[in-house]
């Protein structure tokens, strides 16, 4: 009886240990790195679901070589049985896909070339958005402005806009530009062009990407 019980117990322990074996998963790795407190070197940005936001990752993906401006889809296996998978290392099983990274909202600055309700402007406005996408500043083409920003998963919502007080030769341009910024509720980036859109999908602002932050 004791022998039979021991055999059953060993089998249960074996099954339990198998259940705890880390399962393979699909990992998305951004071509953009970021600063992080956990390491002197830049950290990766990863996620396991395309609809999620990027998670800053300071661990190691064994067998994987990262390339700037190249997004990767990987099949990996967690090395450690940690409560949160992003706290441990991964081992590369397969490189599923690799492609050029799309531009991000907080990368560089954006030179505005179209604003709804404005036919032309003497000096083009520009936008600069912080990398964490929590604030925006720039120029209306006359005055400098800044505001808080909420931009996540395609949404775009600015807070109250603070402006400098220079007298503008055409104040209607500045008024319309700020109005379109405040009216914007979503954004999209197509190649090197940023579109700010109203709730009904109407394009309110178009801007070309600038590699240099202004």
N, C-alpha and C. Protein backbone atom coordinates (compact mmCIF):
# COMPACT_ATOMS: atom_id res chain seq x y z
N UNK A 1 0.83 -1.21 0.00
CA UNK A 1 0.00 0.00 0.00
C UNK A 1 0.87 1.26 0.00
N UNK A 2 1.92 1.23 0.86
CA UNK A 2 2.81 2.38 0.94
C UNK A 2 3.56 2.58 -0.36
N UNK A 3 3.95 1.44 -1.01
CA UNK A 3 4.65 1.52 -2.28
C UNK A 3 3.75 2.13 -3.36
N UNK A 4 2.48 1.69 -3.37
CA UNK A 4 1.54 2.23 -4.34
C UNK A 4 1.32 3.72 -4.13
N UNK A 5 1.22 4.10 -2.88
CA UNK A 5 1.02 5.52 -2.56
C UNK A 5 2.23 6.35 -3.00
N UNK A 6 3.43 5.80 -2.79
CA UNK A 6 4.65 6.51 -3.17
C UNK A 6 4.73 6.70 -4.68
N UNK A 7 4.33 5.66 -5.43
CA UNK A 7 4.35 5.76 -6.89
C UNK A 7 3.38 6.85 -7.37
N UNK A 8 2.18 6.88 -6.78
CA UNK A 8 1.19 7.90 -7.14
C UNK A 8 1.71 9.29 -6.83
N UNK A 9 2.36 9.43 -5.66
CA UNK A 9 2.90 10.73 -5.25
C UNK A 9 3.97 11.21 -6.21
N UNK A 10 4.85 10.29 -6.62
CA UNK A 10 5.92 10.66 -7.57
C UNK A 10 5.33 11.09 -8.91
N UNK A 11 4.29 10.38 -9.35
CA UNK A 11 3.63 10.73 -10.62
C UNK A 11 3.00 12.11 -10.54
N UNK A 12 2.35 12.39 -9.41
CA UNK A 12 1.73 13.71 -9.23
C UNK A 12 2.77 14.82 -9.23
N UNK A 13 3.90 14.57 -8.58
CA UNK A 13 4.98 15.56 -8.53
C UNK A 13 5.54 15.80 -9.93
N UNK A 14 5.65 14.72 -10.72
CA UNK A 14 6.15 14.85 -12.09
C UNK A 14 5.21 15.67 -12.95
N UNK A 15 3.90 15.40 -12.82
CA UNK A 15 2.90 16.14 -13.59
C UNK A 15 2.91 17.61 -13.20
N UNK A 16 3.00 17.86 -11.90
CA UNK A 16 3.01 19.24 -11.40
C UNK A 16 4.23 20.00 -11.92
N UNK A 17 5.39 19.32 -11.89
CA UNK A 17 6.60 19.97 -12.36
C UNK A 17 6.51 20.27 -13.85
N UNK A 18 5.85 19.39 -14.61
CA UNK A 18 5.68 19.63 -16.05
C UNK A 18 4.78 20.83 -16.29
N UNK A 19 3.73 20.97 -15.46
CA UNK A 19 2.81 22.09 -15.60
C UNK A 19 3.51 23.41 -15.38
N UNK A 20 4.57 23.39 -14.55
CA UNK A 20 5.27 24.62 -14.22
C UNK A 20 6.36 24.96 -15.23
N UNK A 21 6.59 24.08 -16.19
CA UNK A 21 7.58 24.35 -17.22
C UNK A 21 7.18 25.59 -18.01
N UNK A 22 8.11 26.56 -18.20
CA UNK A 22 7.77 27.76 -18.97
C UNK A 22 7.31 27.41 -20.38
N UNK A 23 6.26 28.04 -20.83
CA UNK A 23 5.72 27.78 -22.16
C UNK A 23 6.30 28.77 -23.16
N UNK A 24 6.48 28.31 -24.40
CA UNK A 24 6.94 29.19 -25.46
C UNK A 24 5.91 30.29 -25.68
N UNK A 25 6.39 31.47 -26.06
CA UNK A 25 5.46 32.57 -26.34
C UNK A 25 6.01 33.45 -27.43
N UNK A 26 5.12 34.25 -28.02
CA UNK A 26 5.51 35.21 -29.05
C UNK A 26 5.85 36.53 -28.39
N UNK A 27 7.01 37.07 -28.72
CA UNK A 27 7.49 38.30 -28.12
C UNK A 27 7.75 39.33 -29.21
N UNK A 28 7.20 40.53 -29.05
CA UNK A 28 7.43 41.63 -29.99
C UNK A 28 8.47 42.57 -29.39
N UNK A 29 9.49 42.89 -30.18
CA UNK A 29 10.59 43.73 -29.71
C UNK A 29 10.67 44.97 -30.61
N UNK A 30 10.60 46.14 -30.00
CA UNK A 30 10.67 47.40 -30.75
C UNK A 30 12.08 47.68 -31.22
N UNK A 31 12.19 48.35 -32.35
CA UNK A 31 13.49 48.79 -32.84
C UNK A 31 13.98 50.04 -32.14
N UNK A 32 13.13 50.60 -31.26
CA UNK A 32 13.50 51.79 -30.49
C UNK A 32 13.85 51.38 -29.07
N UNK A 33 15.02 51.79 -28.59
CA UNK A 33 15.40 51.52 -27.21
C UNK A 33 15.04 52.73 -26.35
N UNK A 34 15.20 52.60 -25.05
CA UNK A 34 14.87 53.68 -24.14
C UNK A 34 15.80 53.63 -22.93
N UNK A 35 15.96 54.77 -22.28
CA UNK A 35 16.76 54.81 -21.05
C UNK A 35 16.01 54.11 -19.93
N UNK A 36 16.76 53.47 -19.05
CA UNK A 36 16.10 52.84 -17.90
C UNK A 36 17.03 52.86 -16.71
N UNK A 37 16.45 52.87 -15.52
CA UNK A 37 17.22 52.97 -14.28
C UNK A 37 17.92 51.67 -13.93
N UNK A 38 17.47 50.56 -14.51
CA UNK A 38 18.02 49.25 -14.14
C UNK A 38 19.37 48.96 -14.80
N UNK A 39 19.76 49.76 -15.78
CA UNK A 39 20.99 49.48 -16.52
C UNK A 39 21.57 50.77 -17.06
N UNK A 40 22.91 50.80 -17.17
CA UNK A 40 23.56 51.95 -17.79
C UNK A 40 23.34 51.95 -19.30
N UNK A 41 23.14 50.77 -19.86
CA UNK A 41 22.87 50.64 -21.29
C UNK A 41 21.38 50.87 -21.55
N UNK A 42 21.02 51.26 -22.77
CA UNK A 42 19.59 51.42 -23.09
C UNK A 42 18.84 50.11 -22.91
N UNK A 43 17.58 50.21 -22.55
CA UNK A 43 16.74 49.04 -22.37
C UNK A 43 15.89 48.81 -23.62
N UNK A 44 15.50 47.55 -23.82
CA UNK A 44 14.59 47.22 -24.91
C UNK A 44 13.16 47.57 -24.53
N UNK A 45 12.29 47.63 -25.55
CA UNK A 45 10.85 47.77 -25.33
C UNK A 45 10.19 46.54 -25.95
N UNK A 46 9.42 45.81 -25.13
CA UNK A 46 8.85 44.54 -25.58
C UNK A 46 7.38 44.46 -25.19
N UNK A 47 6.66 43.53 -25.81
CA UNK A 47 5.28 43.21 -25.44
C UNK A 47 4.93 41.84 -26.00
N UNK A 48 3.90 41.24 -25.44
CA UNK A 48 3.46 39.92 -25.91
C UNK A 48 2.14 40.00 -26.67
N UNK A 49 1.56 41.18 -26.73
CA UNK A 49 0.31 41.40 -27.46
C UNK A 49 0.45 42.68 -28.27
N UNK A 50 0.16 42.63 -29.56
CA UNK A 50 0.32 43.81 -30.42
C UNK A 50 -0.52 44.98 -29.97
N UNK A 51 -1.63 44.72 -29.27
CA UNK A 51 -2.51 45.79 -28.83
C UNK A 51 -2.07 46.43 -27.52
N UNK A 52 -1.06 45.85 -26.86
CA UNK A 52 -0.58 46.40 -25.60
C UNK A 52 0.40 47.54 -25.84
N UNK A 53 0.65 48.32 -24.79
CA UNK A 53 1.71 49.33 -24.84
C UNK A 53 3.05 48.64 -24.61
N UNK A 54 4.13 49.29 -25.03
CA UNK A 54 5.46 48.74 -24.84
C UNK A 54 5.82 48.70 -23.36
N UNK A 55 6.52 47.66 -22.96
CA UNK A 55 7.06 47.52 -21.60
C UNK A 55 8.57 47.64 -21.66
N UNK A 56 9.13 48.48 -20.78
CA UNK A 56 10.59 48.63 -20.71
C UNK A 56 11.18 47.35 -20.13
N UNK A 57 12.19 46.81 -20.80
CA UNK A 57 12.73 45.50 -20.43
C UNK A 57 14.25 45.59 -20.27
N UNK A 58 14.74 45.23 -19.10
CA UNK A 58 16.18 45.31 -18.82
C UNK A 58 16.85 43.94 -18.79
N UNK A 59 16.08 42.89 -19.06
CA UNK A 59 16.64 41.54 -19.04
C UNK A 59 17.38 41.19 -20.32
N UNK A 60 17.65 39.89 -20.50
CA UNK A 60 18.41 39.42 -21.65
C UNK A 60 17.57 38.42 -22.46
N UNK A 61 17.65 38.55 -23.78
CA UNK A 61 17.06 37.54 -24.67
C UNK A 61 18.24 36.76 -25.25
N UNK A 62 18.51 35.61 -24.67
CA UNK A 62 19.69 34.82 -25.02
C UNK A 62 19.61 34.35 -26.47
N UNK A 63 20.66 34.64 -27.26
CA UNK A 63 20.71 34.24 -28.65
C UNK A 63 20.15 35.27 -29.61
N UNK A 64 19.72 36.44 -29.10
CA UNK A 64 19.10 37.47 -29.93
C UNK A 64 19.99 38.69 -30.01
N UNK A 65 20.18 39.25 -31.21
CA UNK A 65 20.93 40.48 -31.42
C UNK A 65 19.99 41.57 -31.89
N UNK A 66 19.85 42.62 -31.09
CA UNK A 66 18.94 43.71 -31.42
C UNK A 66 19.56 44.66 -32.44
N UNK A 67 18.72 45.22 -33.30
CA UNK A 67 19.15 46.22 -34.27
C UNK A 67 18.24 47.44 -34.16
N UNK A 68 18.86 48.62 -34.08
CA UNK A 68 18.10 49.86 -33.99
C UNK A 68 17.26 50.06 -35.25
N UNK A 69 16.03 50.54 -35.07
CA UNK A 69 15.08 50.82 -36.16
C UNK A 69 14.62 49.57 -36.89
N UNK A 70 14.75 48.41 -36.23
CA UNK A 70 14.22 47.16 -36.76
C UNK A 70 13.32 46.51 -35.70
N UNK A 71 12.04 46.32 -36.04
CA UNK A 71 11.12 45.63 -35.14
C UNK A 71 11.21 44.12 -35.38
N UNK A 72 11.08 43.36 -34.30
CA UNK A 72 11.21 41.91 -34.39
C UNK A 72 9.99 41.21 -33.79
N UNK A 73 9.63 40.09 -34.37
CA UNK A 73 8.68 39.15 -33.77
C UNK A 73 9.44 37.87 -33.50
N UNK A 74 9.48 37.47 -32.24
CA UNK A 74 10.29 36.33 -31.84
C UNK A 74 9.44 35.25 -31.17
N UNK A 75 9.89 34.02 -31.31
CA UNK A 75 9.37 32.93 -30.50
C UNK A 75 10.42 32.66 -29.43
N UNK A 76 10.03 32.81 -28.17
CA UNK A 76 10.98 32.69 -27.08
C UNK A 76 10.45 31.77 -25.99
N UNK A 77 11.35 31.40 -25.10
CA UNK A 77 11.00 30.59 -23.94
C UNK A 77 11.53 31.28 -22.70
N UNK A 78 10.69 31.56 -21.71
CA UNK A 78 11.18 32.15 -20.47
C UNK A 78 12.20 31.23 -19.80
N UNK A 79 13.30 31.82 -19.35
CA UNK A 79 14.34 31.04 -18.69
C UNK A 79 14.00 30.80 -17.23
N UNK A 80 13.37 31.79 -16.60
CA UNK A 80 13.08 31.72 -15.17
C UNK A 80 11.58 31.60 -14.94
N UNK A 81 11.22 30.88 -13.90
CA UNK A 81 9.82 30.79 -13.48
C UNK A 81 9.48 31.94 -12.54
N UNK A 82 9.45 33.17 -13.09
CA UNK A 82 9.13 34.34 -12.28
C UNK A 82 7.63 34.61 -12.35
N UNK A 83 7.14 35.30 -11.32
CA UNK A 83 5.71 35.61 -11.27
C UNK A 83 5.31 36.49 -12.45
N UNK A 84 6.19 37.42 -12.82
CA UNK A 84 5.94 38.28 -13.98
C UNK A 84 7.01 37.97 -15.02
N UNK A 85 6.59 37.56 -16.21
CA UNK A 85 7.55 37.08 -17.20
C UNK A 85 8.56 38.15 -17.60
N UNK A 86 8.20 39.43 -17.53
CA UNK A 86 9.12 40.48 -17.95
C UNK A 86 10.21 40.73 -16.92
N UNK A 87 10.15 40.07 -15.76
CA UNK A 87 11.18 40.21 -14.75
C UNK A 87 12.35 39.26 -14.97
N UNK A 88 12.19 38.29 -15.87
CA UNK A 88 13.23 37.29 -16.11
C UNK A 88 13.80 37.37 -17.51
N UNK A 89 14.73 36.47 -17.79
CA UNK A 89 15.34 36.40 -19.11
C UNK A 89 14.56 35.47 -20.03
N UNK A 90 14.85 35.59 -21.33
CA UNK A 90 14.23 34.72 -22.34
C UNK A 90 15.33 34.03 -23.14
N UNK A 91 14.97 32.93 -23.76
CA UNK A 91 15.85 32.25 -24.70
C UNK A 91 15.19 32.24 -26.07
N UNK A 92 15.92 32.70 -27.08
CA UNK A 92 15.38 32.77 -28.43
C UNK A 92 15.22 31.36 -29.01
N UNK A 93 14.04 31.09 -29.54
CA UNK A 93 13.78 29.82 -30.23
C UNK A 93 13.74 30.04 -31.74
N UNK A 94 13.06 31.13 -32.15
CA UNK A 94 12.92 31.38 -33.59
C UNK A 94 12.70 32.86 -33.84
N UNK A 95 13.34 33.40 -34.87
CA UNK A 95 13.06 34.76 -35.34
C UNK A 95 11.96 34.65 -36.38
N UNK A 96 10.76 35.09 -36.03
CA UNK A 96 9.59 34.92 -36.90
C UNK A 96 9.54 36.00 -37.98
N UNK A 97 9.83 37.25 -37.59
CA UNK A 97 9.69 38.34 -38.55
C UNK A 97 10.60 39.50 -38.15
N UNK A 98 11.03 40.26 -39.14
CA UNK A 98 11.85 41.45 -38.91
C UNK A 98 11.49 42.50 -39.96
N UNK A 99 11.25 43.75 -39.52
CA UNK A 99 10.92 44.81 -40.48
C UNK A 99 11.31 46.17 -39.90
N UNK A 100 11.37 47.15 -40.76
CA UNK A 100 11.75 48.50 -40.34
C UNK A 100 10.74 49.06 -39.35
N UNK A 101 11.24 49.69 -38.29
CA UNK A 101 10.35 50.24 -37.26
C UNK A 101 9.58 51.44 -37.79
N UNK A 102 8.29 51.52 -37.50
CA UNK A 102 7.54 52.73 -37.87
C UNK A 102 7.94 53.90 -36.98
N UNK A 103 7.72 55.10 -37.47
CA UNK A 103 8.00 56.28 -36.65
C UNK A 103 7.07 56.29 -35.44
N UNK A 104 7.58 56.85 -34.34
CA UNK A 104 6.77 57.00 -33.15
C UNK A 104 6.44 58.47 -32.93
N UNK A 105 5.34 58.73 -32.24
CA UNK A 105 4.85 60.08 -32.04
C UNK A 105 5.88 60.97 -31.35
N UNK A 106 6.60 60.41 -30.38
CA UNK A 106 7.56 61.19 -29.61
C UNK A 106 8.97 61.18 -30.18
N UNK A 107 9.10 60.83 -31.44
CA UNK A 107 10.41 60.73 -32.09
C UNK A 107 10.63 61.96 -32.98
N UNK A 108 11.67 62.74 -32.69
CA UNK A 108 11.94 63.94 -33.48
C UNK A 108 10.87 65.00 -33.28
N UNK A 109 10.67 65.86 -34.28
CA UNK A 109 9.63 66.88 -34.27
C UNK A 109 8.81 66.75 -35.55
N UNK A 110 7.72 67.53 -35.64
CA UNK A 110 6.80 67.44 -36.78
C UNK A 110 6.53 68.84 -37.32
N UNK A 111 6.84 69.02 -38.61
CA UNK A 111 6.66 70.31 -39.26
C UNK A 111 5.29 70.34 -39.94
N UNK A 112 4.41 71.21 -39.48
CA UNK A 112 3.03 71.26 -39.94
C UNK A 112 2.94 71.90 -41.33
N UNK A 113 2.24 71.23 -42.25
CA UNK A 113 2.06 71.80 -43.59
C UNK A 113 0.58 71.90 -43.98
N UNK A 114 -0.32 71.40 -43.13
CA UNK A 114 -1.75 71.53 -43.40
C UNK A 114 -2.50 71.66 -42.09
N UNK A 115 -3.38 72.67 -42.03
CA UNK A 115 -4.29 72.84 -40.90
C UNK A 115 -5.66 73.20 -41.47
N UNK A 116 -6.67 72.45 -41.08
CA UNK A 116 -8.01 72.74 -41.57
C UNK A 116 -8.41 74.16 -41.18
N UNK A 117 -9.09 74.85 -42.06
CA UNK A 117 -9.55 76.23 -41.90
C UNK A 117 -8.46 77.26 -42.19
N UNK A 118 -7.22 76.81 -42.48
CA UNK A 118 -6.14 77.74 -42.81
C UNK A 118 -5.68 77.48 -44.24
N UNK A 119 -5.78 78.48 -45.09
CA UNK A 119 -5.39 78.32 -46.49
C UNK A 119 -3.87 78.35 -46.65
N UNK A 120 -3.21 79.23 -45.89
CA UNK A 120 -1.75 79.33 -45.96
C UNK A 120 -1.24 80.03 -44.70
N UNK A 121 0.05 79.85 -44.40
CA UNK A 121 0.65 80.57 -43.28
C UNK A 121 2.07 80.98 -43.66
N UNK A 122 2.48 82.14 -43.13
CA UNK A 122 3.81 82.68 -43.45
C UNK A 122 4.90 81.80 -42.86
N UNK A 123 4.73 81.40 -41.60
CA UNK A 123 5.70 80.53 -40.94
C UNK A 123 4.97 79.26 -40.49
N UNK A 124 5.49 78.12 -40.86
CA UNK A 124 4.83 76.86 -40.54
C UNK A 124 4.94 76.54 -39.05
N UNK A 125 3.86 76.13 -38.43
CA UNK A 125 3.93 75.66 -37.04
C UNK A 125 4.71 74.34 -36.97
N UNK A 126 5.15 73.99 -35.78
CA UNK A 126 5.76 72.68 -35.59
C UNK A 126 5.36 72.13 -34.22
N UNK A 127 5.47 70.82 -34.08
CA UNK A 127 5.10 70.11 -32.85
C UNK A 127 6.28 69.26 -32.39
N UNK A 128 6.50 69.22 -31.11
CA UNK A 128 7.46 68.29 -30.52
C UNK A 128 6.77 67.62 -29.34
N UNK A 129 6.81 66.30 -29.32
CA UNK A 129 6.12 65.52 -28.29
C UNK A 129 7.16 64.72 -27.52
N UNK A 130 7.07 64.70 -26.21
CA UNK A 130 8.04 63.97 -25.40
C UNK A 130 7.96 62.47 -25.70
N UNK A 131 9.07 61.77 -25.44
CA UNK A 131 9.13 60.35 -25.76
C UNK A 131 8.08 59.55 -25.00
N UNK A 132 7.76 59.99 -23.78
CA UNK A 132 6.72 59.27 -23.01
C UNK A 132 5.31 59.71 -23.39
N UNK A 133 5.22 60.66 -24.34
CA UNK A 133 3.94 61.11 -24.91
C UNK A 133 3.00 61.69 -23.85
N UNK A 134 3.58 62.44 -22.90
CA UNK A 134 2.77 63.07 -21.85
C UNK A 134 2.75 64.59 -21.95
N UNK A 135 3.53 65.17 -22.86
CA UNK A 135 3.49 66.62 -23.04
C UNK A 135 3.86 66.98 -24.48
N UNK A 136 3.43 68.15 -24.89
CA UNK A 136 3.65 68.62 -26.26
C UNK A 136 4.04 70.09 -26.19
N UNK A 137 4.97 70.50 -27.05
CA UNK A 137 5.30 71.91 -27.18
C UNK A 137 5.65 72.19 -28.63
N UNK A 138 5.79 73.47 -28.94
CA UNK A 138 6.11 73.82 -30.31
C UNK A 138 5.85 75.27 -30.58
N UNK A 139 5.54 75.56 -31.83
CA UNK A 139 5.27 76.92 -32.26
C UNK A 139 3.99 76.95 -33.10
N UNK A 140 3.22 78.00 -32.91
CA UNK A 140 2.01 78.19 -33.72
C UNK A 140 2.34 78.87 -35.05
N UNK A 141 3.62 79.14 -35.27
CA UNK A 141 4.04 79.96 -36.40
C UNK A 141 4.27 81.39 -35.97
N UNK A 142 3.88 81.68 -34.73
CA UNK A 142 4.08 83.01 -34.15
C UNK A 142 4.54 82.86 -32.70
N UNK A 143 3.65 82.36 -31.86
CA UNK A 143 3.98 82.16 -30.45
C UNK A 143 4.38 80.73 -30.16
N UNK A 144 5.15 80.56 -29.09
CA UNK A 144 5.46 79.23 -28.60
C UNK A 144 4.30 78.75 -27.73
N UNK A 145 4.10 77.43 -27.70
CA UNK A 145 3.03 76.88 -26.88
C UNK A 145 3.50 75.61 -26.20
N UNK A 146 2.78 75.21 -25.16
CA UNK A 146 3.02 73.91 -24.52
C UNK A 146 1.74 73.45 -23.85
N UNK A 147 1.64 72.16 -23.66
CA UNK A 147 0.44 71.58 -23.07
C UNK A 147 0.74 70.16 -22.60
N UNK A 148 -0.10 69.66 -21.72
CA UNK A 148 -0.04 68.24 -21.37
C UNK A 148 -0.66 67.44 -22.51
N UNK A 149 -0.38 66.14 -22.53
CA UNK A 149 -0.87 65.30 -23.62
C UNK A 149 -1.18 63.90 -23.11
N UNK A 150 -2.27 63.34 -23.61
CA UNK A 150 -2.57 61.93 -23.41
C UNK A 150 -2.64 61.29 -24.79
N UNK A 151 -1.70 60.39 -25.05
CA UNK A 151 -1.64 59.74 -26.36
C UNK A 151 -1.28 58.28 -26.15
N UNK A 152 -2.25 57.42 -26.29
CA UNK A 152 -2.02 55.99 -26.09
C UNK A 152 -2.92 55.19 -27.02
N UNK A 153 -2.33 54.23 -27.71
CA UNK A 153 -3.07 53.37 -28.64
C UNK A 153 -3.87 54.18 -29.66
N UNK A 154 -3.24 55.23 -30.17
CA UNK A 154 -3.87 56.01 -31.22
C UNK A 154 -4.70 57.19 -30.76
N UNK A 155 -4.93 57.31 -29.46
CA UNK A 155 -5.70 58.45 -28.97
C UNK A 155 -4.80 59.69 -28.88
N UNK A 156 -5.41 60.87 -28.91
CA UNK A 156 -4.65 62.12 -28.85
C UNK A 156 -5.53 63.16 -28.18
N UNK A 157 -5.13 63.62 -27.00
CA UNK A 157 -5.92 64.61 -26.27
C UNK A 157 -4.98 65.53 -25.50
N UNK A 158 -5.00 66.82 -25.85
CA UNK A 158 -4.14 67.78 -25.15
C UNK A 158 -4.95 68.48 -24.07
N UNK A 159 -4.23 69.03 -23.08
CA UNK A 159 -4.87 69.78 -22.00
C UNK A 159 -4.95 71.25 -22.35
N UNK A 160 -4.97 72.09 -21.31
CA UNK A 160 -4.98 73.53 -21.53
C UNK A 160 -3.68 73.97 -22.20
N UNK A 161 -3.80 74.89 -23.15
CA UNK A 161 -2.63 75.33 -23.92
C UNK A 161 -2.11 76.65 -23.36
N UNK A 162 -0.82 76.66 -23.01
CA UNK A 162 -0.15 77.88 -22.56
C UNK A 162 0.61 78.48 -23.74
N UNK A 163 0.42 79.78 -23.97
CA UNK A 163 1.03 80.48 -25.11
C UNK A 163 1.85 81.66 -24.64
N UNK A 164 2.95 81.95 -25.36
CA UNK A 164 3.64 83.21 -25.15
C UNK A 164 2.76 84.34 -25.70
N UNK A 165 3.16 85.59 -25.47
CA UNK A 165 2.26 86.72 -25.71
C UNK A 165 2.71 87.66 -26.83
N UNK A 166 3.44 87.14 -27.81
CA UNK A 166 3.84 87.99 -28.93
C UNK A 166 2.63 88.39 -29.77
N UNK A 167 2.66 89.62 -30.28
CA UNK A 167 1.61 90.05 -31.21
C UNK A 167 1.85 89.40 -32.56
N UNK A 168 0.82 88.78 -33.12
CA UNK A 168 0.96 88.05 -34.38
C UNK A 168 0.36 88.86 -35.53
N UNK A 169 1.01 88.85 -36.70
CA UNK A 169 0.48 89.59 -37.86
C UNK A 169 -0.88 89.05 -38.31
N UNK A 170 -1.10 87.77 -38.11
CA UNK A 170 -2.38 87.15 -38.48
C UNK A 170 -2.84 86.24 -37.34
N UNK A 171 -3.48 86.80 -36.33
CA UNK A 171 -3.86 86.01 -35.14
C UNK A 171 -4.87 84.90 -35.44
N UNK A 172 -5.62 85.03 -36.55
CA UNK A 172 -6.59 83.98 -36.89
C UNK A 172 -5.91 82.64 -37.18
N UNK A 173 -4.70 82.70 -37.74
CA UNK A 173 -3.95 81.47 -38.03
C UNK A 173 -3.64 80.74 -36.73
N UNK A 174 -3.12 81.46 -35.75
CA UNK A 174 -2.79 80.86 -34.46
C UNK A 174 -4.03 80.31 -33.77
N UNK A 175 -5.11 81.08 -33.80
CA UNK A 175 -6.36 80.64 -33.16
C UNK A 175 -6.87 79.35 -33.79
N UNK A 176 -6.85 79.29 -35.11
CA UNK A 176 -7.33 78.09 -35.80
C UNK A 176 -6.44 76.88 -35.52
N UNK A 177 -5.13 77.10 -35.50
CA UNK A 177 -4.20 76.00 -35.25
C UNK A 177 -4.42 75.40 -33.86
N UNK A 178 -4.50 76.25 -32.84
CA UNK A 178 -4.73 75.77 -31.47
C UNK A 178 -6.08 75.08 -31.37
N UNK A 179 -7.08 75.63 -32.06
CA UNK A 179 -8.41 75.03 -32.07
C UNK A 179 -8.37 73.62 -32.65
N UNK A 180 -7.62 73.41 -33.74
CA UNK A 180 -7.54 72.09 -34.36
C UNK A 180 -6.79 71.09 -33.46
N UNK A 181 -5.76 71.57 -32.77
CA UNK A 181 -5.06 70.71 -31.82
C UNK A 181 -6.01 70.22 -30.72
N UNK A 182 -6.79 71.15 -30.19
CA UNK A 182 -7.71 70.80 -29.11
C UNK A 182 -8.87 69.93 -29.58
N UNK A 183 -9.19 70.03 -30.85
CA UNK A 183 -10.29 69.25 -31.42
C UNK A 183 -9.85 67.83 -31.79
N UNK A 184 -8.54 67.62 -31.91
CA UNK A 184 -8.01 66.30 -32.32
C UNK A 184 -8.27 65.27 -31.23
N UNK A 185 -8.67 64.07 -31.64
CA UNK A 185 -8.94 63.01 -30.66
C UNK A 185 -8.16 61.73 -30.94
N UNK A 186 -7.65 61.59 -32.17
CA UNK A 186 -6.83 60.42 -32.53
C UNK A 186 -5.71 60.87 -33.45
N UNK A 187 -4.74 59.97 -33.64
CA UNK A 187 -3.66 60.26 -34.58
C UNK A 187 -3.29 59.00 -35.34
N UNK A 188 -2.64 59.22 -36.49
CA UNK A 188 -2.07 58.11 -37.26
C UNK A 188 -0.79 58.60 -37.91
N UNK A 189 0.15 57.70 -38.11
CA UNK A 189 1.41 58.04 -38.78
C UNK A 189 1.52 57.16 -40.02
N UNK A 190 1.54 57.80 -41.17
CA UNK A 190 1.66 57.12 -42.45
C UNK A 190 3.00 57.49 -43.05
N UNK A 191 3.92 56.52 -43.12
CA UNK A 191 5.30 56.77 -43.56
C UNK A 191 5.91 57.86 -42.68
N UNK A 192 6.16 59.06 -43.23
CA UNK A 192 6.78 60.12 -42.43
C UNK A 192 5.81 61.27 -42.16
N UNK A 193 4.51 61.01 -42.27
CA UNK A 193 3.51 62.06 -42.09
C UNK A 193 2.58 61.74 -40.93
N UNK A 194 2.41 62.72 -40.06
CA UNK A 194 1.50 62.62 -38.92
C UNK A 194 0.16 63.25 -39.27
N UNK A 195 -0.92 62.53 -39.01
CA UNK A 195 -2.27 63.06 -39.16
C UNK A 195 -2.92 63.16 -37.78
N UNK A 196 -3.46 64.32 -37.45
CA UNK A 196 -4.30 64.47 -36.27
C UNK A 196 -5.74 64.52 -36.75
N UNK A 197 -6.60 63.69 -36.15
CA UNK A 197 -7.96 63.53 -36.67
C UNK A 197 -9.01 63.86 -35.62
N UNK A 198 -10.16 64.33 -36.13
CA UNK A 198 -11.32 64.57 -35.28
C UNK A 198 -12.01 63.23 -34.97
N UNK A 199 -13.01 63.27 -34.12
CA UNK A 199 -13.72 62.04 -33.74
C UNK A 199 -14.35 61.34 -34.95
N UNK A 200 -14.78 62.13 -35.96
CA UNK A 200 -15.41 61.53 -37.13
C UNK A 200 -14.41 61.10 -38.20
N UNK A 201 -13.09 61.21 -37.89
CA UNK A 201 -12.06 60.79 -38.82
C UNK A 201 -11.56 61.86 -39.75
N UNK A 202 -12.11 63.08 -39.66
CA UNK A 202 -11.65 64.18 -40.50
C UNK A 202 -10.22 64.57 -40.12
N UNK A 203 -9.35 64.73 -41.12
CA UNK A 203 -7.97 65.14 -40.85
C UNK A 203 -7.94 66.64 -40.56
N UNK A 204 -7.44 66.99 -39.38
CA UNK A 204 -7.39 68.38 -38.95
C UNK A 204 -6.01 69.00 -39.14
N UNK A 205 -4.98 68.18 -38.95
CA UNK A 205 -3.60 68.66 -39.04
C UNK A 205 -2.75 67.59 -39.73
N UNK A 206 -1.86 68.04 -40.63
CA UNK A 206 -0.86 67.16 -41.23
C UNK A 206 0.51 67.74 -40.96
N UNK A 207 1.48 66.87 -40.64
CA UNK A 207 2.82 67.33 -40.35
C UNK A 207 3.86 66.33 -40.82
N UNK A 208 4.97 66.81 -41.37
CA UNK A 208 6.07 65.97 -41.83
C UNK A 208 7.08 65.77 -40.70
N UNK A 209 7.64 64.58 -40.66
CA UNK A 209 8.60 64.27 -39.61
C UNK A 209 9.93 64.98 -39.82
N UNK A 210 10.48 65.49 -38.72
CA UNK A 210 11.82 66.07 -38.71
C UNK A 210 12.69 65.21 -37.79
N UNK A 211 13.87 64.81 -38.26
CA UNK A 211 14.73 63.96 -37.44
C UNK A 211 15.27 64.69 -36.21
N UNK A 212 15.40 66.01 -36.33
CA UNK A 212 15.95 66.81 -35.23
C UNK A 212 14.82 67.32 -34.35
N UNK A 213 14.97 67.17 -33.04
CA UNK A 213 13.97 67.70 -32.11
C UNK A 213 14.16 69.19 -31.97
N UNK A 214 13.07 69.93 -32.07
CA UNK A 214 13.12 71.39 -31.94
C UNK A 214 12.52 71.84 -30.61
